[in-house]
Amino acid sequence: ETIHIPRGVPHSVRNPGPEPGRMFILLTPGGAESFFDAFERLASGGPKALTPQALGDLAAEHGVEFLAPSA
């Protein structure tokens, strides 16, 4: 599958299947990859490091906004 999401458009990602999913993400212009690099470093600390507060702080540092799920 291929999807195009313009900058600033709210979106979500989920894997509805039982197997682990894989994604190839191309960001243009670049810059947002720093969030994913920092997220990987945070997540490598395990569940105790990846708290809602830590994730929120990380998102704020990188200009990422998490939205509540719609009903």
PDB file of N, CA and C in Angstrom:
ATOM      1  N   GLU A   1       0.819  -1.177   0.000  1.00  0.00           N
ATOM      2  CA  GLU A   1       0.000   0.000   0.000  1.00  0.00           C
ATOM      3  C   GLU A   1       0.865   1.244   0.000  1.00  0.00           C
ATOM      4  N   THR A   2       0.338   2.303  -0.537  1.00  0.00           N
ATOM      5  CA  THR A   2       0.994   3.604  -0.526  1.00  0.00           C
ATOM      6  C   THR A   2      -0.004   4.640  -0.047  1.00  0.00           C
ATOM      7  N   ILE A   3       0.479   5.565   0.769  1.00  0.00           N
ATOM      8  CA  ILE A   3      -0.383   6.626   1.266  1.00  0.00           C
ATOM      9  C   ILE A   3       0.392   7.939   1.263  1.00  0.00           C
ATOM     10  N   HIS A   4      -0.281   9.017   0.941  1.00  0.00           N
ATOM     11  CA  HIS A   4       0.312  10.349   0.979  1.00  0.00           C
ATOM     12  C   HIS A   4      -0.421  11.146   2.045  1.00  0.00           C
ATOM     13  N   ILE A   5       0.320  11.680   3.006  1.00  0.00           N
ATOM     14  CA  ILE A   5      -0.280  12.487   4.067  1.00  0.00           C
ATOM     15  C   ILE A   5       0.387  13.852   4.028  1.00  0.00           C
ATOM     16  N   PRO A   6      -0.327  14.883   3.592  1.00  0.00           N
ATOM     17  CA  PRO A   6       0.270  16.221   3.572  1.00  0.00           C
ATOM     18  C   PRO A   6       0.624  16.691   4.984  1.00  0.00           C
ATOM     19  N   ARG A   7       1.631  17.532   5.087  1.00  0.00           N
ATOM     20  CA  ARG A   7       2.067  18.085   6.370  1.00  0.00           C
ATOM     21  C   ARG A   7       0.884  18.747   7.077  1.00  0.00           C
ATOM     22  N   GLY A   8       0.780  18.496   8.378  1.00  0.00           N
ATOM     23  CA  GLY A   8      -0.253  19.129   9.186  1.00  0.00           C
ATOM     24  C   GLY A   8      -1.596  18.428   9.193  1.00  0.00           C
ATOM     25  N   VAL A   9      -1.733  17.326   8.465  1.00  0.00           N
ATOM     26  CA  VAL A   9      -3.003  16.599   8.422  1.00  0.00           C
ATOM     27  C   VAL A   9      -2.996  15.535   9.527  1.00  0.00           C
ATOM     28  N   PRO A  10      -3.974  15.592  10.453  1.00  0.00           N
ATOM     29  CA  PRO A  10      -4.028  14.561  11.504  1.00  0.00           C
ATOM     30  C   PRO A  10      -4.178  13.172  10.878  1.00  0.00           C
ATOM     31  N   HIS A  11      -3.459  12.200  11.436  1.00  0.00           N
ATOM     32  CA  HIS A  11      -3.522  10.836  10.917  1.00  0.00           C
ATOM     33  C   HIS A  11      -3.125   9.865  12.018  1.00  0.00           C
ATOM     34  N   SER A  12      -3.337   8.613  11.765  1.00  0.00           N
ATOM     35  CA  SER A  12      -2.933   7.577  12.711  1.00  0.00           C
ATOM     36  C   SER A  12      -2.432   6.371  11.933  1.00  0.00           C
ATOM     37  N   VAL A  13      -1.738   5.521  12.663  1.00  0.00           N
ATOM     38  CA  VAL A  13      -1.197   4.300  12.067  1.00  0.00           C
ATOM     39  C   VAL A  13      -1.508   3.155  13.009  1.00  0.00           C
ATOM     40  N   ARG A  14      -1.984   2.050  12.467  1.00  0.00           N
ATOM     41  CA  ARG A  14      -2.212   0.870  13.292  1.00  0.00           C
ATOM     42  C   ARG A  14      -2.035  -0.370  12.435  1.00  0.00           C
ATOM     43  N   ASN A  15      -1.770  -1.456  13.094  1.00  0.00           N
ATOM     44  CA  ASN A  15      -1.609  -2.740  12.418  1.00  0.00           C
ATOM     45  C   ASN A  15      -2.751  -3.637  12.898  1.00  0.00           C
ATOM     46  N   PRO A  16      -3.755  -3.871  12.068  1.00  0.00           N
ATOM     47  CA  PRO A  16      -4.897  -4.676  12.500  1.00  0.00           C
ATOM     48  C   PRO A  16      -4.630  -6.184  12.485  1.00  0.00           C
ATOM     49  N   GLY A  17      -3.510  -6.590  11.923  1.00  0.00           N
ATOM     50  CA  GLY A  17      -3.225  -8.015  11.791  1.00  0.00           C
ATOM     51  C   GLY A  17      -2.471  -8.592  12.975  1.00  0.00           C
ATOM     52  N   PRO A  18      -2.352  -9.907  13.012  1.00  0.00           N
ATOM     53  CA  PRO A  18      -1.661 -10.575  14.120  1.00  0.00           C
ATOM     54  C   PRO A  18      -0.135 -10.543  13.995  1.00  0.00           C
ATOM     55  N   GLU A  19       0.376 -10.284  12.806  1.00  0.00           N
ATOM     56  CA  GLU A  19       1.822 -10.281  12.582  1.00  0.00           C
ATOM     57  C   GLU A  19       2.384  -8.874  12.749  1.00  0.00           C
ATOM     58  N   PRO A  20       3.648  -8.761  13.160  1.00  0.00           N
ATOM     59  CA  PRO A  20       4.264  -7.430  13.240  1.00  0.00           C
ATOM     60  C   PRO A  20       4.243  -6.748  11.878  1.00  0.00           C
ATOM     61  N   GLY A  21       4.034  -5.453  11.895  1.00  0.00           N
ATOM     62  CA  GLY A  21       4.000  -4.687  10.651  1.00  0.00           C
ATOM     63  C   GLY A  21       5.336  -3.997  10.410  1.00  0.00           C
ATOM     64  N   ARG A  22       5.567  -3.616   9.167  1.00  0.00           N
ATOM     65  CA  ARG A  22       6.755  -2.861   8.803  1.00  0.00           C
ATOM     66  C   ARG A  22       6.308  -1.710   7.932  1.00  0.00           C
ATOM     67  N   MET A  23       7.013  -0.583   8.072  1.00  0.00           N
ATOM     68  CA  MET A  23       6.686   0.589   7.257  1.00  0.00           C
ATOM     69  C   MET A  23       7.964   1.183   6.687  1.00  0.00           C
ATOM     70  N   PHE A  24       7.836   1.735   5.531  1.00  0.00           N
ATOM     71  CA  PHE A  24       8.888   2.543   4.928  1.00  0.00           C
ATOM     72  C   PHE A  24       8.302   3.938   4.830  1.00  0.00           C
ATOM     73  N   ILE A  25       8.927   4.894   5.506  1.00  0.00           N
ATOM     74  CA  ILE A  25       8.398   6.248   5.557  1.00  0.00           C
ATOM     75  C   ILE A  25       9.358   7.176   4.828  1.00  0.00           C
ATOM     76  N   LEU A  26       8.822   7.957   3.911  1.00  0.00           N
ATOM     77  CA  LEU A  26       9.605   8.950   3.187  1.00  0.00           C
ATOM     78  C   LEU A  26       9.053  10.312   3.562  1.00  0.00           C
ATOM     79  N   LEU A  27       9.891  11.145   4.166  1.00  0.00           N
ATOM     80  CA  LEU A  27       9.481  12.469   4.606  1.00  0.00           C
ATOM     81  C   LEU A  27      10.157  13.524   3.756  1.00  0.00           C
ATOM     82  N   THR A  28       9.343  14.391   3.145  1.00  0.00           N
ATOM     83  CA  THR A  28       9.912  15.493   2.372  1.00  0.00           C
ATOM     84  C   THR A  28       9.141  16.758   2.690  1.00  0.00           C
ATOM     85  N   PRO A  29       9.758  17.864   2.974  1.00  0.00           N
ATOM     86  CA  PRO A  29      11.195  17.937   3.177  1.00  0.00           C
ATOM     87  C   PRO A  29      11.577  17.239   4.469  1.00  0.00           C
ATOM     88  N   GLY A  30      12.837  16.930   4.617  1.00  0.00           N
ATOM     89  CA  GLY A  30      13.313  16.209   5.786  1.00  0.00           C
ATOM     90  C   GLY A  30      13.229  17.031   7.060  1.00  0.00           C
ATOM     91  N   GLY A  31      13.551  16.393   8.159  1.00  0.00           N
ATOM     92  CA  GLY A  31      13.563  17.061   9.451  1.00  0.00           C
ATOM     93  C   GLY A  31      12.820  16.285  10.514  1.00  0.00           C
ATOM     94  N   ALA A  32      11.699  15.678  10.148  1.00  0.00           N
ATOM     95  CA  ALA A  32      10.882  14.951  11.123  1.00  0.00           C
ATOM     96  C   ALA A  32      11.558  13.657  11.575  1.00  0.00           C
ATOM     97  N   GLU A  33      12.554  13.200  10.845  1.00  0.00           N
ATOM     98  CA  GLU A  33      13.210  11.949  11.234  1.00  0.00           C
ATOM     99  C   GLU A  33      13.883  12.070  12.599  1.00  0.00           C
ATOM    100  N   SER A  34      14.185  13.278  13.023  1.00  0.00           N
ATOM    101  CA  SER A  34      14.803  13.458  14.338  1.00  0.00           C
ATOM    102  C   SER A  34      13.859  12.995  15.451  1.00  0.00           C
ATOM    103  N   PHE A  35      12.550  13.142  15.254  1.00  0.00           N
ATOM    104  CA  PHE A  35      11.589  12.643  16.242  1.00  0.00           C
ATOM    105  C   PHE A  35      11.681  11.125  16.346  1.00  0.00           C
ATOM    106  N   PHE A  36      11.730  10.450  15.214  1.00  0.00           N
ATOM    107  CA  PHE A  36      11.778   8.983  15.226  1.00  0.00           C
ATOM    108  C   PHE A  36      13.087   8.469  15.820  1.00  0.00           C
ATOM    109  N   ASP A  37      14.190   9.168  15.545  1.00  0.00           N
ATOM    110  CA  ASP A  37      15.477   8.791  16.151  1.00  0.00           C
ATOM    111  C   ASP A  37      15.414   8.936  17.669  1.00  0.00           C
ATOM    112  N   ALA A  38      14.873  10.050  18.132  1.00  0.00           N
ATOM    113  CA  ALA A  38      14.764  10.292  19.577  1.00  0.00           C
ATOM    114  C   ALA A  38      13.785   9.309  20.215  1.00  0.00           C
ATOM    115  N   PHE A  39      12.701   8.978  19.513  1.00  0.00           N
ATOM    116  CA  PHE A  39      11.734   8.003  20.028  1.00  0.00           C
ATOM    117  C   PHE A  39      12.399   6.641  20.201  1.00  0.00           C
ATOM    118  N   GLU A  40      13.210   6.255  19.227  1.00  0.00           N
ATOM    119  CA  GLU A  40      13.911   4.971  19.319  1.00  0.00           C
ATOM    120  C   GLU A  40      14.829   4.943  20.542  1.00  0.00           C
ATOM    121  N   ARG A  41      15.544   6.034  20.778  1.00  0.00           N
ATOM    122  CA  ARG A  41      16.421   6.097  21.949  1.00  0.00           C
ATOM    123  C   ARG A  41      15.600   6.002  23.241  1.00  0.00           C
ATOM    124  N   LEU A  42      14.475   6.709  23.304  1.00  0.00           N
ATOM    125  CA  LEU A  42      13.625   6.671  24.488  1.00  0.00           C
ATOM    126  C   LEU A  42      13.058   5.267  24.688  1.00  0.00           C
ATOM    127  N   ALA A  43      12.540   4.665  23.631  1.00  0.00           N
ATOM    128  CA  ALA A  43      11.920   3.338  23.727  1.00  0.00           C
ATOM    129  C   ALA A  43      12.932   2.258  24.092  1.00  0.00           C
ATOM    130  N   SER A  44      14.188   2.462  23.747  1.00  0.00           N
ATOM    131  CA  SER A  44      15.198   1.449  24.074  1.00  0.00           C
ATOM    132  C   SER A  44      15.417   1.345  25.581  1.00  0.00           C
ATOM    133  N   GLY A  45      14.921   2.330  26.340  1.00  0.00           N
ATOM    134  CA  GLY A  45      15.011   2.290  27.791  1.00  0.00           C
ATOM    135  C   GLY A  45      13.954   1.405  28.430  1.00  0.00           C
ATOM    136  N   GLY A  46      13.066   0.843  27.618  1.00  0.00           N
ATOM    137  CA  GLY A  46      12.032  -0.054  28.121  1.00  0.00           C
ATOM    138  C   GLY A  46      10.782   0.678  28.588  1.00  0.00           C
ATOM    139  N   PRO A  47       9.804  -0.089  29.065  1.00  0.00           N
ATOM    140  CA  PRO A  47       8.518   0.489  29.458  1.00  0.00           C
ATOM    141  C   PRO A  47       8.623   1.558  30.551  1.00  0.00           C
ATOM    142  N   LYS A  48       9.604   1.427  31.438  1.00  0.00           N
ATOM    143  CA  LYS A  48       9.728   2.424  32.502  1.00  0.00           C
ATOM    144  C   LYS A  48      10.195   3.766  31.961  1.00  0.00           C
ATOM    145  N   ALA A  49      10.924   3.777  30.857  1.00  0.00           N
ATOM    146  CA  ALA A  49      11.391   5.027  30.244  1.00  0.00           C
ATOM    147  C   ALA A  49      10.328   5.636  29.345  1.00  0.00           C
ATOM    148  N   LEU A  50       9.529   4.797  28.720  1.00  0.00           N
ATOM    149  CA  LEU A  50       8.546   5.260  27.736  1.00  0.00           C
ATOM    150  C   LEU A  50       7.213   5.562  28.426  1.00  0.00           C
ATOM    151  N   THR A  51       7.224   6.571  29.258  1.00  0.00           N
ATOM    152  CA  THR A  51       6.016   6.973  29.984  1.00  0.00           C
ATOM    153  C   THR A  51       5.227   7.975  29.142  1.00  0.00           C
ATOM    154  N   PRO A  52       3.944   8.139  29.431  1.00  0.00           N
ATOM    155  CA  PRO A  52       3.170   9.166  28.712  1.00  0.00           C
ATOM    156  C   PRO A  52       3.810  10.556  28.833  1.00  0.00           C
ATOM    157  N   GLN A  53       4.325  10.887  30.002  1.00  0.00           N
ATOM    158  CA  GLN A  53       4.966  12.197  30.201  1.00  0.00           C
ATOM    159  C   GLN A  53       6.216  12.324  29.336  1.00  0.00           C
ATOM    160  N   ALA A  54       7.059  11.288  29.330  1.00  0.00           N
ATOM    161  CA  ALA A  54       8.288  11.324  28.532  1.00  0.00           C
ATOM    162  C   ALA A  54       7.965  11.413  27.044  1.00  0.00           C
ATOM    163  N   LEU A  55       6.957  10.682  26.595  1.00  0.00           N
ATOM    164  CA  LEU A  55       6.566  10.727  25.188  1.00  0.00           C
ATOM    165  C   LEU A  55       5.988  12.098  24.838  1.00  0.00           C
ATOM    166  N   GLY A  56       5.188  12.662  25.728  1.00  0.00           N
ATOM    167  CA  GLY A  56       4.640  13.995  25.496  1.00  0.00           C
ATOM    168  C   GLY A  56       5.726  15.055  25.422  1.00  0.00           C
ATOM    169  N   ASP A  57       6.712  14.955  26.308  1.00  0.00           N
ATOM    170  CA  ASP A  57       7.835  15.897  26.286  1.00  0.00           C
ATOM    171  C   ASP A  57       8.620  15.771  24.989  1.00  0.00           C
ATOM    172  N   LEU A  58       8.870  14.538  24.569  1.00  0.00           N
ATOM    173  CA  LEU A  58       9.600  14.288  23.336  1.00  0.00           C
ATOM    174  C   LEU A  58       8.839  14.865  22.136  1.00  0.00           C
ATOM    175  N   ALA A  59       7.544  14.627  22.099  1.00  0.00           N
ATOM    176  CA  ALA A  59       6.723  15.141  21.000  1.00  0.00           C
ATOM    177  C   ALA A  59       6.784  16.665  20.958  1.00  0.00           C
ATOM    178  N   ALA A  60       6.650  17.298  22.110  1.00  0.00           N
ATOM    179  CA  ALA A  60       6.680  18.759  22.167  1.00  0.00           C
ATOM    180  C   ALA A  60       8.015  19.308  21.666  1.00  0.00           C
ATOM    181  N   GLU A  61       9.114  18.629  22.011  1.00  0.00           N
ATOM    182  CA  GLU A  61      10.440  19.058  21.565  1.00  0.00           C
ATOM    183  C   GLU A  61      10.573  19.026  20.049  1.00  0.00           C
ATOM    184  N   HIS A  62       9.807  18.139  19.397  1.00  0.00           N
ATOM    185  CA  HIS A  62       9.938  17.944  17.951  1.00  0.00           C
ATOM    186  C   HIS A  62       8.744  18.476  17.165  1.00  0.00           C
ATOM    187  N   GLY A  63       7.848  19.199  17.831  1.00  0.00           N
ATOM    188  CA  GLY A  63       6.703  19.783  17.125  1.00  0.00           C
ATOM    189  C   GLY A  63       5.661  18.767  16.706  1.00  0.00           C
ATOM    190  N   VAL A  64       5.611  17.628  17.409  1.00  0.00           N
ATOM    191  CA  VAL A  64       4.626  16.586  17.111  1.00  0.00           C
ATOM    192  C   VAL A  64       3.489  16.721  18.109  1.00  0.00           C
ATOM    193  N   GLU A  65       2.271  16.634  17.620  1.00  0.00           N
ATOM    194  CA  GLU A  65       1.098  16.729  18.496  1.00  0.00           C
ATOM    195  C   GLU A  65       0.304  15.432  18.427  1.00  0.00           C
ATOM    196  N   PHE A  66       0.058  14.821  19.581  1.00  0.00           N
ATOM    197  CA  PHE A  66      -0.766  13.627  19.641  1.00  0.00           C
ATOM    198  C   PHE A  66      -2.199  14.052  19.921  1.00  0.00           C
ATOM    199  N   LEU A  67      -3.128  13.526  19.157  1.00  0.00           N
ATOM    200  CA  LEU A  67      -4.530  13.843  19.316  1.00  0.00           C
ATOM    201  C   LEU A  67      -5.250  12.671  19.967  1.00  0.00           C
ATOM    202  N   ALA A  68      -6.300  12.976  20.734  1.00  0.00           N
ATOM    203  CA  ALA A  68      -7.119  11.926  21.336  1.00  0.00           C
ATOM    204  C   ALA A  68      -7.867  11.198  20.221  1.00  0.00           C
ATOM    205  N   PRO A  69      -8.063   9.879  20.390  1.00  0.00           N
ATOM    206  CA  PRO A  69      -8.822   9.130  19.369  1.00  0.00           C
ATOM    207  C   PRO A  69     -10.240   9.678  19.250  1.00  0.00           C
ATOM    208  N   SER A  70     -10.768   9.671  18.045  1.00  0.00           N
ATOM    209  CA  SER A  70     -12.148  10.099  17.863  1.00  0.00           C
ATOM    210  C   SER A  70     -13.084   8.964  18.248  1.00  0.00           C
ATOM    211  N   ALA A  71     -14.272   9.328  18.644  1.00  0.00           N
ATOM    212  CA  ALA A  71     -15.246   8.317  19.106  1.00  0.00           C
ATOM    213  C   ALA A  71     -15.778   7.500  17.975  1.00  0.00           C
TER     214      ALA A  71
END
